[in-house]
Amino acid sequence: TATLAGADAARARGCRTIAPFLPAAALADLDGLVLVGGTSGNPAIERPDAVLIGDLGEAWSYAFMQEAFTSLLDGAEFVACSRDVKRSLPAILTHCFSLAPSIHSATCPPHRWPW
């Protein structure tokens, strides 16, 4: 799944503490990682090593976006689990495809942009 691939990418970067912004059903794919903040249901008591975002659809909120931005600006790695464009409007506006580039470009220096 995209979540497993994202978790593997985070592990490959040495990340163990993750702030997931994923649907609840996808959290089971993050076994072995410490989940803080985001949609984990656990408090964000420390800065995560990585922010892992996926398709939250209409569950995306300004509070989630602010939390993700803050973690990234504090030095967390950025991992997007999906850039799927096989969606129809208006769903695509809240899909990971539209948020991933926005969050990444707002928090990472241009030399780290993957596109």
Protein backbone atom coordinates (compact mmCIF):
# COMPACT_ATOMS: atom_id res chain seq x y z
CA THR A 1 0.00 0.00 0.00
CA ALA A 2 1.02 3.63 -0.25
CA THR A 3 1.14 3.81 3.54
CA LEU A 4 3.57 0.87 3.75
CA ALA A 5 5.74 2.51 1.10
CA GLY A 6 5.68 5.78 3.04
CA ALA A 7 6.58 4.00 6.27
CA ASP A 8 9.47 2.23 4.52
CA ALA A 9 10.69 5.57 3.11
CA ALA A 10 10.60 7.11 6.60
CA ARG A 11 12.50 4.15 8.08
CA ALA A 12 15.10 4.37 5.28
CA ARG A 13 15.72 7.99 6.35
CA GLY A 14 16.28 6.86 9.93
CA CYS A 15 12.91 8.13 11.18
CA ARG A 16 11.26 6.30 14.07
CA THR A 17 8.85 8.89 15.50
CA ILE A 18 6.10 9.73 13.02
CA ALA A 19 3.29 12.29 12.96
CA PRO A 20 0.76 10.54 10.72
CA PHE A 21 -1.89 12.46 8.81
CA LEU A 22 -3.63 9.36 7.48
CA PRO A 23 -7.04 7.69 7.79
CA ALA A 24 -7.43 5.62 10.97
CA ALA A 25 -7.49 2.36 8.99
CA ALA A 26 -4.03 3.11 7.55
CA LEU A 27 -2.40 3.53 10.97
CA ALA A 28 -2.12 -0.26 11.33
CA ASP A 29 0.44 -0.21 8.50
CA LEU A 30 2.80 1.86 10.68
CA ASP A 31 3.62 -0.99 13.06
CA GLY A 32 6.98 -0.56 14.75
CA LEU A 33 6.99 3.24 14.47
CA VAL A 34 6.22 5.59 17.36
CA LEU A 35 3.13 7.64 16.43
CA VAL A 36 2.68 11.13 17.88
CA GLY A 37 0.17 13.83 17.02
CA GLY A 38 -1.65 14.01 13.73
CA THR A 39 -4.38 11.40 13.43
CA SER A 40 -2.63 8.95 15.79
CA GLY A 41 -4.75 9.89 18.80
CA ASN A 42 -1.53 10.28 20.79
CA PRO A 43 -0.35 13.66 22.05
CA ALA A 44 2.42 15.40 20.11
CA ILE A 45 4.75 15.49 23.11
CA GLU A 46 7.90 15.63 21.00
CA ARG A 47 8.91 16.74 17.51
CA PRO A 48 8.46 13.80 15.17
CA ASP A 49 11.30 12.60 12.96
CA ALA A 50 8.89 12.66 10.01
CA VAL A 51 5.48 13.90 8.93
CA LEU A 52 3.64 11.25 6.93
CA ILE A 53 0.65 12.51 4.95
CA GLY A 54 -1.94 10.65 2.96
CA ASP A 55 -5.49 10.95 1.76
CA LEU A 56 -7.57 12.33 4.61
CA GLY A 57 -10.19 13.71 2.24
CA GLU A 58 -12.50 16.09 4.06
CA ALA A 59 -10.90 15.23 7.41
CA TRP A 60 -8.03 17.64 6.62
CA SER A 61 -8.31 20.63 8.89
CA TYR A 62 -6.41 23.86 9.48
CA ALA A 63 -5.27 22.41 12.82
CA PHE A 64 -3.78 19.36 11.05
CA MET A 65 -2.11 21.55 8.45
CA GLN A 66 -0.66 23.84 11.14
CA GLU A 67 0.66 20.85 13.08
CA ALA A 68 2.30 19.42 9.95
CA PHE A 69 3.83 22.79 9.00
CA THR A 70 5.18 23.33 12.52
CA SER A 71 6.79 19.88 12.64
CA LEU A 72 8.39 20.35 9.22
CA LEU A 73 9.68 23.80 10.07
CA ASP A 74 11.16 22.32 13.26
CA GLY A 75 13.14 19.85 11.12
CA ALA A 76 10.93 16.80 10.59
CA GLU A 77 11.29 14.89 7.32
CA PHE A 78 8.39 15.04 4.84
CA VAL A 79 6.87 11.86 3.41
CA ALA A 80 3.79 11.95 1.16
CA CYS A 81 2.10 8.58 0.76
CA SER A 82 0.19 9.47 -2.40
CA ARG A 83 0.01 11.94 -5.26
CA ASP A 84 -2.89 10.13 -6.91
CA VAL A 85 -4.62 12.33 -9.48
CA LYS A 86 -7.31 9.81 -10.39
CA ARG A 87 -9.95 11.81 -8.54
CA SER A 88 -12.68 14.13 -9.61
CA LEU A 89 -13.20 17.66 -8.41
CA PRO A 90 -13.95 18.79 -5.74
CA ALA A 91 -12.52 15.71 -3.94
CA ILE A 92 -9.05 16.42 -5.34
CA LEU A 93 -8.93 19.70 -3.46
CA THR A 94 -8.62 17.89 -0.14
CA HIS A 95 -6.69 14.89 -1.45
CA CYS A 96 -3.02 14.41 -0.68
CA PHE A 97 -2.22 15.34 -4.30
CA SER A 98 -3.08 18.98 -3.76
CA LEU A 99 -1.69 19.28 -0.23
CA ALA A 100 1.64 17.46 -0.55
CA PRO A 101 3.31 19.94 -2.94
CA SER A 102 1.92 22.90 -1.00
CA ILE A 103 3.16 21.70 2.38
CA HIS A 104 6.49 20.58 0.97
CA SER A 105 7.27 23.77 -0.94
CA ALA A 106 6.25 25.96 2.00
CA THR A 107 8.56 24.19 4.44
CA CYS A 108 11.55 22.87 2.47
CA PRO A 109 14.36 24.70 0.71
CA PRO A 110 14.15 24.52 -3.11
CA HIS A 111 17.20 22.24 -3.38
CA ARG A 112 15.21 19.53 -1.56
CA TRP A 113 12.14 19.66 -3.83
CA PRO A 114 11.61 16.27 -5.52
CA TRP A 115 10.04 17.79 -8.65
